[in-house]
Amino acid sequence: MRGLLLLGVLTVSLIPGSLSVSAEQASGRGRATQAPAAAASTAMTNADVVKLVKAGIGDDVVISAIRGAKERKFALGADALVQLKTDGVSDRIIGVMLDPTAAPAAAAAASPAPAPAPNTPPPPPTGSIGVTTAAPSAVAEVSLVASTGTHPVSPEGGDISQSYAVIKMVVWANFRGLKSDVRTTDKRPSILVKVNDTRFDSRFMVVKTEPDEDDNVRSVRIKSGVYTVSTAFAPDSDWIIATKATQESPGVWRMTLSKDLGRGEYGLLDAQNRYLYGFAVDR
């Protein structure tokens, strides 16, 4: 973000005959003494950041201005951070104010990912920011079973990003596109999963996703804490939809929901491979 310099231009109009200079003044006698102007402070403050944000300047430019400032005097106590959020300062900017040397949260690219080759699973989310997972397992075959029929659901790979919420680091798993391809009007579909894995209960879970129009992604919040992140690829408990898994036959499981789903974007999250099998309820 480039630094911003506001230049004030003083224009003086001289009207012939309106200004006379005496000989005494011209020779320097009787010259008025002018006090030197006080040096302006160059330190960047919370107020400067809020001013830039309220002027509609983008996050990247504000972040560059913060990093380019010769001196920074930010108030970063809990009350000050809350006030910054109230004033509309984004988590990305606050994160850089807290640590100007840290890289800001990476925004997911808006361009769609190239389609994988047939029968080739997508890559797992990248940029893990300390979120780890065990070795990949066999890719599951997943179908959404609803009153509208049975719909195969393909796995989606994504990426990981971070943001700051006051004094808490928030980690997100992001999957491209605002809407899932598989959609239903059934409020309580079931999910059929075909996979030979004894860790089924800990590996698969139904989650809600949050569309982010700015980055053209659907995001799942990953469990995190005060400037710490989970060492496992596990979603925040508030984002998990309660289900009951029943093994119908060897390698075939059916997941039934504990309640009706509201309108929105959801998905079956494979925490082992870090894939999302996305689907949506339209009403």
Protein backbone atom coordinates (compact mmCIF):
# COMPACT_ATOMS: atom_id res chain seq x y z
CA MET A 1 0.00 0.00 0.00
CA ARG A 2 1.48 3.21 -1.02
CA GLY A 3 1.89 6.07 1.44
CA LEU A 4 -0.36 9.06 0.92
CA LEU A 5 0.87 12.68 0.93
CA LEU A 6 -1.65 15.50 0.96
CA LEU A 7 -0.27 18.73 -0.44
CA GLY A 8 -1.92 22.01 0.42
CA VAL A 9 -1.41 24.76 -2.17
CA LEU A 10 -1.62 28.37 -1.05
CA THR A 11 -2.53 30.81 -3.79
CA VAL A 12 -1.88 34.53 -3.26
CA SER A 13 -3.34 37.08 -5.65
CA LEU A 14 -1.37 40.33 -5.96
CA ILE A 15 -3.39 43.32 -7.13
CA PRO A 16 -1.26 46.17 -8.53
CA GLY A 17 -1.23 49.12 -6.17
CA SER A 18 -2.67 47.15 -3.28
CA LEU A 19 0.68 46.41 -1.62
CA SER A 20 3.38 49.00 -0.86
CA VAL A 21 6.76 48.38 0.72
CA SER A 22 8.59 51.17 2.54
CA ALA A 23 12.30 51.79 2.12
CA GLU A 24 12.78 50.89 5.76
CA GLN A 25 11.10 47.55 5.24
CA ALA A 26 13.04 46.94 2.04
CA SER A 27 16.34 47.52 3.81
CA GLY A 28 15.41 44.99 6.48
CA ARG A 29 14.72 47.46 9.32
CA GLY A 30 11.43 46.92 11.13
CA ARG A 31 11.12 43.43 9.61
CA ALA A 32 8.50 41.38 11.46
CA THR A 33 9.83 38.36 13.30
CA GLN A 34 8.10 35.14 12.34
CA ALA A 35 8.13 32.21 14.78
CA PRO A 36 9.30 28.96 13.19
CA ALA A 37 6.49 26.50 12.47
CA ALA A 38 6.35 23.52 14.77
CA ALA A 39 7.56 20.33 13.12
CA ALA A 40 4.66 18.09 12.25
CA SER A 41 4.66 14.65 13.82
CA THR A 42 5.29 11.84 11.33
CA ALA A 43 4.10 9.03 13.60
CA MET A 44 1.11 7.11 12.25
CA THR A 45 -1.73 6.64 14.77
CA ASN A 46 -5.03 4.80 15.06
CA ALA A 47 -6.79 7.99 13.96
CA ASP A 48 -4.75 8.07 10.74
CA VAL A 49 -5.74 4.49 9.93
CA VAL A 50 -9.43 5.16 10.62
CA LYS A 51 -9.26 8.30 8.45
CA LEU A 52 -7.88 6.32 5.51
CA VAL A 53 -10.46 3.55 5.91
CA LYS A 54 -13.39 5.98 6.14
CA ALA A 55 -12.10 7.70 3.00
CA GLY A 56 -12.78 4.45 1.15
CA ILE A 57 -9.13 3.51 0.61
CA GLY A 58 -8.63 -0.23 0.13
CA ASP A 59 -7.02 -2.56 2.65
CA ASP A 60 -3.89 -3.14 0.56
CA VAL A 61 -3.18 0.59 0.28
CA VAL A 62 -3.74 1.17 4.01
CA ILE A 63 -1.46 -1.77 4.87
CA SER A 64 1.28 -0.35 2.62
CA ALA A 65 0.90 3.03 4.31
CA ILE A 66 1.30 1.40 7.73
CA ARG A 67 4.42 -0.44 6.67
CA GLY A 68 5.84 2.62 4.94
CA ALA A 69 5.36 4.95 7.92
CA LYS A 70 8.66 6.15 9.43
CA GLU A 71 7.15 5.88 12.88
CA ARG A 72 4.05 4.20 14.27
CA LYS A 73 2.30 4.97 17.55
CA PHE A 74 -0.70 2.68 17.62
CA ALA A 75 -2.89 2.07 20.66
CA LEU A 76 -3.48 -1.68 20.61
CA GLY A 77 -5.13 -2.47 23.93
CA ALA A 78 -8.39 -4.40 23.99
CA ASP A 79 -10.56 -1.26 24.09
CA ALA A 80 -8.60 0.34 21.24
CA LEU A 81 -8.95 -2.79 19.08
CA VAL A 82 -12.69 -2.90 19.70
CA GLN A 83 -12.93 0.76 18.71
CA LEU A 84 -10.99 0.08 15.49
CA LYS A 85 -13.52 -2.61 14.58
CA THR A 86 -16.38 -0.24 15.43
CA ASP A 87 -14.80 2.34 13.10
CA GLY A 88 -14.80 -0.16 10.23
CA VAL A 89 -11.12 -1.17 10.20
CA SER A 90 -10.78 -4.69 8.76
CA ASP A 91 -9.17 -7.66 10.51
CA ARG A 92 -6.41 -7.67 7.88
CA ILE A 93 -5.42 -4.09 8.68
CA ILE A 94 -5.61 -4.67 12.44
CA GLY A 95 -3.36 -7.70 12.04
CA VAL A 96 -0.70 -5.58 10.33
CA MET A 97 -1.05 -2.87 12.97
CA LEU A 98 -0.31 -5.52 15.59
CA ASP A 99 2.68 -6.83 13.63
CA PRO A 100 3.72 -4.67 10.63
CA THR A 101 6.24 -7.31 9.53
CA ALA A 102 3.66 -10.08 9.26
CA ALA A 103 2.10 -10.94 5.92
CA PRO A 104 -1.60 -10.00 5.74
CA ALA A 105 -4.18 -12.71 5.26
CA ALA A 106 -4.05 -13.92 1.69
CA ALA A 107 -7.25 -13.41 -0.28
CA ALA A 108 -8.38 -16.35 -2.33
CA ALA A 109 -8.09 -15.80 -6.06
CA ALA A 110 -11.36 -14.95 -7.76
CA SER A 111 -10.55 -16.93 -10.91
CA PRO A 112 -11.93 -20.48 -10.93
CA ALA A 113 -9.55 -23.38 -10.42
CA PRO A 114 -8.89 -25.58 -13.46
CA ALA A 115 -10.98 -28.72 -13.53
CA PRO A 116 -9.07 -31.84 -12.41
CA ALA A 117 -8.55 -34.75 -14.77
CA PRO A 118 -11.24 -37.45 -14.64
CA ASN A 119 -11.07 -39.60 -11.46
CA THR A 120 -8.32 -37.37 -10.07
CA PRO A 121 -9.10 -35.86 -6.65
CA PRO A 122 -8.41 -32.13 -6.22
CA PRO A 123 -5.42 -30.99 -4.20
CA PRO A 124 -6.02 -30.39 -0.48
CA PRO A 125 -6.21 -26.83 0.86
CA THR A 126 -2.89 -25.00 0.68
CA GLY A 127 -1.19 -22.44 2.92
CA SER A 128 -2.00 -24.33 6.10
CA ILE A 129 -0.68 -21.74 8.62
CA GLY A 130 0.20 -24.42 11.14
CA VAL A 131 -2.96 -26.47 10.58
CA THR A 132 -1.83 -30.02 10.02
CA THR A 133 -3.52 -33.27 9.11
CA ALA A 134 -2.57 -36.92 8.87
CA ALA A 135 -1.56 -38.62 5.65
CA PRO A 136 -4.25 -38.53 2.94
CA SER A 137 -6.71 -41.40 2.81
CA ALA A 138 -8.78 -42.92 0.04
CA VAL A 139 -11.16 -40.44 -1.57
CA ALA A 140 -14.78 -41.14 -0.65
CA GLU A 141 -17.68 -41.51 -3.05
CA VAL A 142 -20.40 -39.18 -1.77
CA SER A 143 -24.04 -38.68 -2.77
CA LEU A 144 -26.74 -36.36 -1.46
CA VAL A 145 -29.97 -38.32 -1.01
CA ALA A 146 -33.01 -36.02 -1.02
CA SER A 147 -36.65 -35.97 -1.99
CA THR A 148 -35.49 -34.54 -5.31
CA GLY A 149 -33.37 -37.62 -6.01
CA THR A 150 -29.85 -38.89 -5.42
CA HIS A 151 -27.11 -36.49 -6.51
CA PRO A 152 -23.39 -37.40 -6.69
CA VAL A 153 -21.19 -34.77 -5.02
CA SER A 154 -17.58 -34.20 -6.10
CA PRO A 155 -14.75 -33.31 -3.69
CA GLU A 156 -13.42 -29.76 -3.72
CA GLY A 157 -9.93 -28.66 -2.70
CA GLY A 158 -9.32 -25.17 -1.38
CA ASP A 159 -6.89 -23.02 0.56
CA ILE A 160 -6.37 -21.68 4.07
CA SER A 161 -6.40 -18.05 5.17
CA GLN A 162 -6.26 -16.19 8.47
CA SER A 163 -7.79 -13.06 9.90
CA TYR A 164 -7.87 -11.30 13.26
CA ALA A 165 -10.90 -10.73 15.46
CA VAL A 166 -9.78 -8.35 18.22
CA ILE A 167 -7.24 -10.55 20.06
CA LYS A 168 -8.11 -13.83 18.37
CA MET A 169 -6.59 -15.31 15.23
CA VAL A 170 -9.28 -16.85 13.02
CA VAL A 171 -8.40 -19.52 10.46
CA TRP A 172 -10.61 -20.28 7.47
CA ALA A 173 -10.77 -23.12 4.97
CA ASN A 174 -11.85 -21.57 1.67
CA PHE A 175 -13.45 -23.34 -1.28
CA ARG A 176 -13.90 -21.62 -4.62
CA GLY A 177 -17.26 -20.34 -5.77
CA LEU A 178 -20.16 -18.79 -3.90
CA LYS A 179 -22.63 -21.57 -4.70
CA SER A 180 -22.46 -25.35 -4.70
CA ASP A 181 -23.32 -27.21 -7.89
CA VAL A 182 -25.50 -29.73 -6.03
CA ARG A 183 -28.70 -28.11 -4.72
CA THR A 184 -31.94 -29.32 -3.20
CA THR A 185 -35.14 -27.97 -1.70
CA ASP A 186 -35.21 -30.84 0.82
CA LYS A 187 -34.61 -29.42 4.31
CA ARG A 188 -33.34 -32.70 5.72
CA PRO A 189 -31.44 -34.72 3.11
CA SER A 190 -29.17 -37.59 4.06
CA ILE A 191 -25.65 -38.19 2.82
CA LEU A 192 -24.42 -41.52 1.52
CA VAL A 193 -20.68 -42.09 1.84
CA LYS A 194 -18.82 -45.02 0.31
CA VAL A 195 -15.34 -45.43 1.77
CA ASN A 196 -13.40 -48.18 3.48
CA ASP A 197 -12.18 -46.40 6.60
CA THR A 198 -12.64 -47.37 10.25
CA ARG A 199 -12.13 -43.69 11.28
CA PHE A 200 -15.39 -42.63 9.67
CA ASP A 201 -16.86 -40.88 12.72
CA SER A 202 -13.83 -38.63 13.25
CA ARG A 203 -13.11 -38.07 9.58
CA PHE A 204 -16.43 -36.88 8.13
CA MET A 205 -18.74 -34.14 9.41
CA VAL A 206 -21.48 -31.96 7.94
CA VAL A 207 -20.70 -28.25 8.19
CA LYS A 208 -22.24 -24.96 7.21
CA THR A 209 -20.25 -22.69 4.90
CA GLU A 210 -20.25 -18.91 4.65
CA PRO A 211 -20.13 -17.32 1.17
CA ASP A 212 -17.63 -14.46 0.86
CA GLU A 213 -18.52 -12.33 -2.16
CA ASP A 214 -15.30 -10.28 -1.95
CA ASP A 215 -13.12 -13.35 -2.48
CA ASN A 216 -15.65 -15.53 -4.37
CA VAL A 217 -15.30 -18.41 -1.91
CA ARG A 218 -17.32 -20.43 0.59
CA SER A 219 -15.51 -20.60 3.92
CA VAL A 220 -15.52 -22.90 6.93
CA ARG A 221 -14.17 -21.57 10.20
CA ILE A 222 -11.41 -23.73 11.68
CA LYS A 223 -11.02 -24.18 15.44
CA SER A 224 -8.64 -21.54 16.79
CA GLY A 225 -7.82 -19.49 19.87
CA VAL A 226 -6.04 -16.35 21.05
CA TYR A 227 -3.30 -16.05 18.43
CA THR A 228 -3.16 -19.83 18.19
CA VAL A 229 -4.62 -22.32 15.77
CA SER A 230 -5.59 -25.93 16.13
CA THR A 231 -2.98 -28.48 15.10
CA ALA A 232 -5.74 -30.50 13.41
CA PHE A 233 -7.97 -29.65 10.47
CA ALA A 234 -11.08 -29.41 12.64
CA PRO A 235 -13.93 -26.94 12.11
CA ASP A 236 -15.20 -24.72 14.90
CA SER A 237 -17.91 -26.57 16.83
CA ASP A 238 -20.48 -23.87 16.02
CA TRP A 239 -20.07 -24.67 12.33
CA ILE A 240 -20.77 -28.41 12.63
CA ILE A 241 -24.26 -29.80 11.93
CA ALA A 242 -25.12 -32.71 14.24
CA THR A 243 -25.58 -36.02 12.40
CA LYS A 244 -25.90 -39.72 13.08
CA ALA A 245 -23.83 -42.12 10.98
CA THR A 246 -25.12 -45.65 10.32
CA GLN A 247 -23.14 -48.30 8.48
CA GLU A 248 -25.56 -49.84 6.00
CA SER A 249 -23.07 -52.33 4.57
CA PRO A 250 -19.26 -52.78 4.57
CA GLY A 251 -17.79 -49.51 3.32
CA VAL A 252 -21.20 -47.78 2.97
CA TRP A 253 -22.36 -45.22 5.52
CA ARG A 254 -25.47 -43.07 5.71
CA MET A 255 -25.37 -39.76 7.60
CA THR A 256 -28.74 -38.43 8.77
CA LEU A 257 -29.23 -34.89 10.08
CA SER A 258 -30.54 -34.17 13.57
CA LYS A 259 -32.61 -31.20 12.39
CA ASP A 260 -33.92 -29.44 9.32
CA LEU A 261 -31.48 -27.19 7.49
CA GLY A 262 -32.25 -23.59 6.73
CA ARG A 263 -31.61 -22.02 3.38
CA GLY A 264 -27.87 -21.80 2.75
CA GLU A 265 -24.63 -23.45 1.70
CA TYR A 266 -23.39 -26.62 3.42
CA GLY A 267 -21.01 -29.47 2.79
CA LEU A 268 -19.58 -32.76 3.97
CA LEU A 269 -16.07 -32.03 5.23
CA ASP A 270 -13.41 -34.73 4.94
CA ALA A 271 -11.01 -33.69 7.72
CA GLN A 272 -8.49 -36.36 6.74
CA ASN A 273 -8.01 -35.21 3.14
CA ARG A 274 -9.29 -31.65 3.76
CA TYR A 275 -11.91 -31.84 1.03
CA LEU A 276 -15.41 -30.39 0.94
CA TYR A 277 -18.35 -32.10 -0.75
CA GLY A 278 -20.54 -29.03 -1.14
CA PHE A 279 -24.31 -28.86 -1.39
CA ALA A 280 -27.00 -26.25 -0.79
CA VAL A 281 -30.56 -25.98 0.48
CA ASP A 282 -32.54 -23.44 -1.55
CA ARG A 283 -35.48 -22.92 0.80
